[in-house]
Amino acid sequence: MAETLITHGFGVPNDPMPHQFLVRIPAGRTDPVEVWEDFGAAALGTTAQKLCRVAIPRDTWRQVADGVKVHLNRRLKEKDLKASRFNAGDNRVERILGRELCVLAWAIEDATPDEAAIAFTRWSSHRPEELWWLFQQIDNDGGEWDSPKTGWRVAIRHALIRDGEEAPTAARRPRPKTATEKLPDLFSDL
């Protein structure tokens, strides 16, 4: 019989000091929601043990919170892990899922609730690998957690929200096929 993995929150392993994300939802109804990265034992004793990644206005968070919960729980179910929900206080999120969530949070940190709904729809249509790559690009770009109008952070906002522009309704035209173009076989010359 397979051993049941013990997790906390949204898939955080039952380790003494795991690398995880914390979604801090304050008790006050108007205070912003913060997403923190806790590097756990790997950063013990350093100044970078916990890093605030983003602060999201409460109304904007409310617009996406239920959808984010469903998205994260679907990902947990794929791995046969227990579901969770968001409560006031620190909500633990597994580090890979936290990176995915951070991409959405960066896109909506300056957004209106309506823009956040658009961003959530577009964000949830991306594959996990794409979101991980985007997290890396935004993280490598530098900048401080409270500087949302720089580099990749502004780019992800435009990519997911497009300043209210509606997504095209017509399907994209397929790329024309050319019979004369021969693609190289990457492994034939090894």
C-alpha atoms as a PDB file:
ATOM      1  CA  MET A   1       0.000   0.000   0.000  1.00  0.00           C
ATOM      2  CA  ALA A   2       1.321   3.444  -0.926  1.00  0.00           C
ATOM      3  CA  GLU A   3       2.366   5.696   1.932  1.00  0.00           C
ATOM      4  CA  THR A   4       0.220   8.807   2.360  1.00  0.00           C
ATOM      5  CA  LEU A   5       2.299  11.959   2.159  1.00  0.00           C
ATOM      6  CA  ILE A   6       1.613  14.393   4.999  1.00  0.00           C
ATOM      7  CA  THR A   7       1.316  17.990   3.817  1.00  0.00           C
ATOM      8  CA  HIS A   8       0.197  21.313   5.255  1.00  0.00           C
ATOM      9  CA  GLY A   9      -1.786  24.031   3.530  1.00  0.00           C
ATOM     10  CA  PHE A  10      -1.521  23.804  -0.238  1.00  0.00           C
ATOM     11  CA  GLY A  11       0.893  20.868  -0.515  1.00  0.00           C
ATOM     12  CA  VAL A  12       3.765  22.010   1.748  1.00  0.00           C
ATOM     13  CA  PRO A  13       5.736  18.914   2.820  1.00  0.00           C
ATOM     14  CA  ASN A  14       5.833  17.982   6.492  1.00  0.00           C
ATOM     15  CA  ASP A  15       9.472  19.068   6.885  1.00  0.00           C
ATOM     16  CA  PRO A  16      10.805  21.117   9.808  1.00  0.00           C
ATOM     17  CA  MET A  17      11.747  24.152   7.654  1.00  0.00           C
ATOM     18  CA  PRO A  18      10.529  23.701   4.072  1.00  0.00           C
ATOM     19  CA  HIS A  19      10.993  26.126   1.196  1.00  0.00           C
ATOM     20  CA  GLN A  20       7.467  27.490   0.774  1.00  0.00           C
ATOM     21  CA  PHE A  21       5.344  30.507  -0.038  1.00  0.00           C
ATOM     22  CA  LEU A  22       3.048  32.202   2.465  1.00  0.00           C
ATOM     23  CA  VAL A  23      -0.086  34.023   1.396  1.00  0.00           C
ATOM     24  CA  ARG A  24      -0.713  36.438   4.270  1.00  0.00           C
ATOM     25  CA  ILE A  25      -4.339  37.445   4.516  1.00  0.00           C
ATOM     26  CA  PRO A  26      -4.745  40.019   7.272  1.00  0.00           C
ATOM     27  CA  ALA A  27      -7.811  40.043   9.511  1.00  0.00           C
ATOM     28  CA  GLY A  28      -8.612  43.623   8.433  1.00  0.00           C
ATOM     29  CA  ARG A  29     -10.942  43.735   5.442  1.00  0.00           C
ATOM     30  CA  THR A  30      -9.057  46.494   3.624  1.00  0.00           C
ATOM     31  CA  ASP A  31      -5.436  45.546   4.320  1.00  0.00           C
ATOM     32  CA  PRO A  32      -3.530  44.171   1.309  1.00  0.00           C
ATOM     33  CA  VAL A  33      -2.787  40.471   0.877  1.00  0.00           C
ATOM     34  CA  GLU A  34       0.946  39.721   0.760  1.00  0.00           C
ATOM     35  CA  VAL A  35       2.766  36.828  -0.864  1.00  0.00           C
ATOM     36  CA  TRP A  36       6.009  35.920   0.915  1.00  0.00           C
ATOM     37  CA  GLU A  37       8.670  33.413  -0.076  1.00  0.00           C
ATOM     38  CA  ASP A  38      10.148  31.531   2.887  1.00  0.00           C
ATOM     39  CA  PHE A  39      13.395  29.861   1.821  1.00  0.00           C
ATOM     40  CA  GLY A  40      13.323  27.586   4.865  1.00  0.00           C
ATOM     41  CA  ALA A  41      16.392  25.742   6.111  1.00  0.00           C
ATOM     42  CA  ALA A  42      18.422  26.680   3.019  1.00  0.00           C
ATOM     43  CA  ALA A  43      18.506  30.326   4.125  1.00  0.00           C
ATOM     44  CA  LEU A  44      18.539  29.845   7.891  1.00  0.00           C
ATOM     45  CA  GLY A  45      20.420  32.662   9.592  1.00  0.00           C
ATOM     46  CA  THR A  46      20.590  34.869   6.510  1.00  0.00           C
ATOM     47  CA  THR A  47      18.845  38.166   5.924  1.00  0.00           C
ATOM     48  CA  ALA A  48      17.012  36.622   2.958  1.00  0.00           C
ATOM     49  CA  GLN A  49      15.206  33.861   4.843  1.00  0.00           C
ATOM     50  CA  LYS A  50      11.827  35.432   4.057  1.00  0.00           C
ATOM     51  CA  LEU A  51      11.166  37.758   1.153  1.00  0.00           C
ATOM     52  CA  CYS A  52       7.945  39.667   0.465  1.00  0.00           C
ATOM     53  CA  ARG A  53       7.301  39.087  -3.224  1.00  0.00           C
ATOM     54  CA  VAL A  54       4.163  41.184  -3.733  1.00  0.00           C
ATOM     55  CA  ALA A  55       1.288  42.998  -2.029  1.00  0.00           C
ATOM     56  CA  ILE A  56      -2.148  42.814  -3.649  1.00  0.00           C
ATOM     57  CA  PRO A  57      -5.078  45.132  -2.847  1.00  0.00           C
ATOM     58  CA  ARG A  58      -7.785  43.247  -0.937  1.00  0.00           C
ATOM     59  CA  ASP A  59     -10.570  43.877  -3.506  1.00  0.00           C
ATOM     60  CA  THR A  60      -8.320  42.582  -6.271  1.00  0.00           C
ATOM     61  CA  TRP A  61      -7.450  39.475  -4.224  1.00  0.00           C
ATOM     62  CA  ARG A  62     -11.124  38.778  -3.533  1.00  0.00           C
ATOM     63  CA  GLN A  63     -11.769  38.705  -7.285  1.00  0.00           C
ATOM     64  CA  VAL A  64      -9.300  35.831  -7.862  1.00  0.00           C
ATOM     65  CA  ALA A  65      -9.118  34.009  -4.495  1.00  0.00           C
ATOM     66  CA  ASP A  66     -11.741  31.344  -5.220  1.00  0.00           C
ATOM     67  CA  GLY A  67     -10.331  30.618  -8.668  1.00  0.00           C
ATOM     68  CA  VAL A  68      -6.792  30.386  -7.284  1.00  0.00           C
ATOM     69  CA  LYS A  69      -7.988  27.968  -4.583  1.00  0.00           C
ATOM     70  CA  VAL A  70      -9.655  25.754  -7.212  1.00  0.00           C
ATOM     71  CA  HIS A  71      -6.558  25.903  -9.442  1.00  0.00           C
ATOM     72  CA  LEU A  72      -4.157  24.976  -6.618  1.00  0.00           C
ATOM     73  CA  ASN A  73      -6.435  22.193  -5.346  1.00  0.00           C
ATOM     74  CA  ARG A  74      -6.702  20.742  -8.860  1.00  0.00           C
ATOM     75  CA  ARG A  75      -2.904  20.639  -9.050  1.00  0.00           C
ATOM     76  CA  LEU A  76      -2.763  18.948  -5.621  1.00  0.00           C
ATOM     77  CA  LYS A  77      -5.374  16.392  -6.657  1.00  0.00           C
ATOM     78  CA  GLU A  78      -3.181  15.418  -9.635  1.00  0.00           C
ATOM     79  CA  LYS A  79      -0.582  14.313  -7.061  1.00  0.00           C
ATOM     80  CA  ASP A  80      -3.136  12.705  -4.717  1.00  0.00           C
ATOM     81  CA  LEU A  81      -2.596  15.370  -2.045  1.00  0.00           C
ATOM     82  CA  LYS A  82      -5.263  16.837   0.199  1.00  0.00           C
ATOM     83  CA  ALA A  83      -7.032  20.055  -0.741  1.00  0.00           C
ATOM     84  CA  SER A  84      -6.853  23.280   1.240  1.00  0.00           C
ATOM     85  CA  ARG A  85      -8.451  26.723   1.425  1.00  0.00           C
ATOM     86  CA  PHE A  86      -7.463  30.291   2.212  1.00  0.00           C
ATOM     87  CA  ASN A  87      -8.054  31.658   5.715  1.00  0.00           C
ATOM     88  CA  ALA A  88      -7.030  34.817   7.527  1.00  0.00           C
ATOM     89  CA  GLY A  89      -3.376  34.589   8.564  1.00  0.00           C
ATOM     90  CA  ASP A  90      -0.511  32.739   6.873  1.00  0.00           C
ATOM     91  CA  ASN A  91      -1.603  30.251   4.218  1.00  0.00           C
ATOM     92  CA  ARG A  92       1.173  27.855   3.263  1.00  0.00           C
ATOM     93  CA  VAL A  93       1.722  27.079  -0.433  1.00  0.00           C
ATOM     94  CA  GLU A  94       4.215  24.545  -1.807  1.00  0.00           C
ATOM     95  CA  ARG A  95       7.183  26.291  -3.452  1.00  0.00           C
ATOM     96  CA  ILE A  96       6.435  25.303  -7.078  1.00  0.00           C
ATOM     97  CA  LEU A  97       2.748  26.181  -6.743  1.00  0.00           C
ATOM     98  CA  GLY A  98       3.818  29.386  -5.010  1.00  0.00           C
ATOM     99  CA  ARG A  99       5.895  30.351  -8.026  1.00  0.00           C
ATOM    100  CA  GLU A 100       2.873  29.872 -10.265  1.00  0.00           C
ATOM    101  CA  LEU A 101       0.745  31.974  -7.909  1.00  0.00           C
ATOM    102  CA  CYS A 102       3.427  34.659  -7.788  1.00  0.00           C
ATOM    103  CA  VAL A 103       3.210  35.171 -11.553  1.00  0.00           C
ATOM    104  CA  LEU A 104      -0.507  35.930 -11.224  1.00  0.00           C
ATOM    105  CA  ALA A 105       0.093  38.114  -8.166  1.00  0.00           C
ATOM    106  CA  TRP A 106       2.698  40.183 -10.030  1.00  0.00           C
ATOM    107  CA  ALA A 107       0.257  40.674 -12.900  1.00  0.00           C
ATOM    108  CA  ILE A 108      -2.554  41.926 -10.662  1.00  0.00           C
ATOM    109  CA  GLU A 109      -0.655  43.927  -8.040  1.00  0.00           C
ATOM    110  CA  ASP A 110      -1.775  47.211  -9.645  1.00  0.00           C
ATOM    111  CA  ALA A 111      -4.917  45.871 -11.315  1.00  0.00           C
ATOM    112  CA  THR A 112      -8.558  46.630 -10.758  1.00  0.00           C
ATOM    113  CA  PRO A 113     -10.799  43.709  -9.774  1.00  0.00           C
ATOM    114  CA  ASP A 114     -12.113  43.492 -13.361  1.00  0.00           C
ATOM    115  CA  GLU A 115      -8.568  43.391 -14.762  1.00  0.00           C
ATOM    116  CA  ALA A 116      -7.699  40.732 -12.183  1.00  0.00           C
ATOM    117  CA  ALA A 117     -10.504  38.521 -13.482  1.00  0.00           C
ATOM    118  CA  ILE A 118      -9.106  38.831 -17.016  1.00  0.00           C
ATOM    119  CA  ALA A 119      -5.582  38.071 -15.761  1.00  0.00           C
ATOM    120  CA  PHE A 120      -6.778  35.031 -13.823  1.00  0.00           C
ATOM    121  CA  THR A 121      -8.481  33.566 -16.887  1.00  0.00           C
ATOM    122  CA  ARG A 122      -5.354  33.994 -19.006  1.00  0.00           C
ATOM    123  CA  TRP A 123      -3.016  32.839 -16.193  1.00  0.00           C
ATOM    124  CA  SER A 124      -4.991  29.653 -15.569  1.00  0.00           C
ATOM    125  CA  SER A 125      -4.758  28.708 -19.246  1.00  0.00           C
ATOM    126  CA  HIS A 126      -0.943  28.495 -19.107  1.00  0.00           C
ATOM    127  CA  ARG A 127       0.909  25.255 -18.526  1.00  0.00           C
ATOM    128  CA  PRO A 128       2.821  24.982 -15.239  1.00  0.00           C
ATOM    129  CA  GLU A 129       6.196  24.931 -17.053  1.00  0.00           C
ATOM    130  CA  GLU A 130       5.359  28.227 -18.732  1.00  0.00           C
ATOM    131  CA  LEU A 131       4.520  29.810 -15.383  1.00  0.00           C
ATOM    132  CA  TRP A 132       7.752  28.503 -13.837  1.00  0.00           C
ATOM    133  CA  TRP A 133       9.723  30.015 -16.717  1.00  0.00           C
ATOM    134  CA  LEU A 134       7.918  33.341 -16.303  1.00  0.00           C
ATOM    135  CA  PHE A 135       8.656  33.313 -12.565  1.00  0.00           C
ATOM    136  CA  GLN A 136      12.364  32.794 -13.316  1.00  0.00           C
ATOM    137  CA  GLN A 137      12.422  35.651 -15.820  1.00  0.00           C
ATOM    138  CA  ILE A 138      10.668  38.051 -13.469  1.00  0.00           C
ATOM    139  CA  ASP A 139      12.804  36.978 -10.499  1.00  0.00           C
ATOM    140  CA  ASN A 140      16.062  37.284 -12.463  1.00  0.00           C
ATOM    141  CA  ASP A 141      15.073  40.735 -13.702  1.00  0.00           C
ATOM    142  CA  GLY A 142      15.731  42.061 -10.222  1.00  0.00           C
ATOM    143  CA  GLY A 143      14.031  45.048  -8.792  1.00  0.00           C
ATOM    144  CA  GLU A 144      12.550  45.291  -5.359  1.00  0.00           C
ATOM    145  CA  TRP A 145       9.302  43.650  -4.286  1.00  0.00           C
ATOM    146  CA  ASP A 146       7.577  47.014  -4.197  1.00  0.00           C
ATOM    147  CA  SER A 147       8.597  48.121  -7.698  1.00  0.00           C
ATOM    148  CA  PRO A 148       5.865  46.711  -9.950  1.00  0.00           C
ATOM    149  CA  LYS A 149       6.440  49.042 -12.871  1.00  0.00           C
ATOM    150  CA  THR A 150       9.793  47.630 -13.998  1.00  0.00           C
ATOM    151  CA  GLY A 151      10.977  45.061 -16.527  1.00  0.00           C
ATOM    152  CA  TRP A 152       9.282  41.697 -16.671  1.00  0.00           C
ATOM    153  CA  ARG A 153       6.787  42.647 -13.959  1.00  0.00           C
ATOM    154  CA  VAL A 154       5.187  45.246 -16.192  1.00  0.00           C
ATOM    155  CA  ALA A 155       5.464  42.821 -19.132  1.00  0.00           C
ATOM    156  CA  ILE A 156       3.519  40.074 -17.320  1.00  0.00           C
ATOM    157  CA  ARG A 157       0.821  42.589 -16.462  1.00  0.00           C
ATOM    158  CA  HIS A 158       0.468  43.562 -20.116  1.00  0.00           C
ATOM    159  CA  ALA A 159       0.586  39.930 -21.230  1.00  0.00           C
ATOM    160  CA  LEU A 160      -2.177  38.776 -18.890  1.00  0.00           C
ATOM    161  CA  ILE A 161      -4.345  41.885 -18.824  1.00  0.00           C
ATOM    162  CA  ARG A 162      -3.518  43.698 -22.080  1.00  0.00           C
ATOM    163  CA  ASP A 163      -4.926  46.861 -20.530  1.00  0.00           C
ATOM    164  CA  GLY A 164      -8.501  45.643 -20.837  1.00  0.00           C
ATOM    165  CA  GLU A 165      -8.144  44.554 -24.464  1.00  0.00           C
ATOM    166  CA  GLU A 166     -10.374  41.615 -25.184  1.00  0.00           C
ATOM    167  CA  ALA A 167      -8.824  38.378 -26.388  1.00  0.00           C
ATOM    168  CA  PRO A 168      -9.270  37.749 -30.112  1.00  0.00           C
ATOM    169  CA  THR A 169     -12.444  35.799 -30.830  1.00  0.00           C
ATOM    170  CA  ALA A 170     -11.303  34.333 -34.151  1.00  0.00           C
ATOM    171  CA  ALA A 171      -8.912  31.427 -34.255  1.00  0.00           C
ATOM    172  CA  ARG A 172      -5.358  32.196 -35.314  1.00  0.00           C
ATOM    173  CA  ARG A 173      -4.398  31.302 -38.859  1.00  0.00           C
ATOM    174  CA  PRO A 174      -2.142  28.264 -39.016  1.00  0.00           C
ATOM    175  CA  ARG A 175       1.413  28.799 -40.133  1.00  0.00           C
ATOM    176  CA  PRO A 176       1.769  27.893 -43.832  1.00  0.00           C
ATOM    177  CA  LYS A 177       3.550  24.624 -44.497  1.00  0.00           C
ATOM    178  CA  THR A 178       6.408  24.640 -46.954  1.00  0.00           C
ATOM    179  CA  ALA A 179       7.342  21.335 -48.529  1.00  0.00           C
ATOM    180  CA  THR A 180      10.828  22.519 -49.466  1.00  0.00           C
ATOM    181  CA  GLU A 181      11.832  23.429 -45.943  1.00  0.00           C
ATOM    182  CA  LYS A 182      13.585  20.504 -44.264  1.00  0.00           C
ATOM    183  CA  LEU A 183      13.942  20.645 -40.510  1.00  0.00           C
ATOM    184  CA  PRO A 184      17.206  19.352 -39.073  1.00  0.00           C
ATOM    185  CA  ASP A 185      17.180  16.166 -37.040  1.00  0.00           C
ATOM    186  CA  LEU A 186      18.721  17.210 -33.745  1.00  0.00           C
ATOM    187  CA  PHE A 187      19.918  13.737 -32.769  1.00  0.00           C
ATOM    188  CA  SER A 188      21.073  12.250 -36.065  1.00  0.00           C
ATOM    189  CA  ASP A 189      24.607  13.649 -35.976  1.00  0.00           C
ATOM    190  CA  LEU A 190      25.491  12.472 -32.459  1.00  0.00           C
END
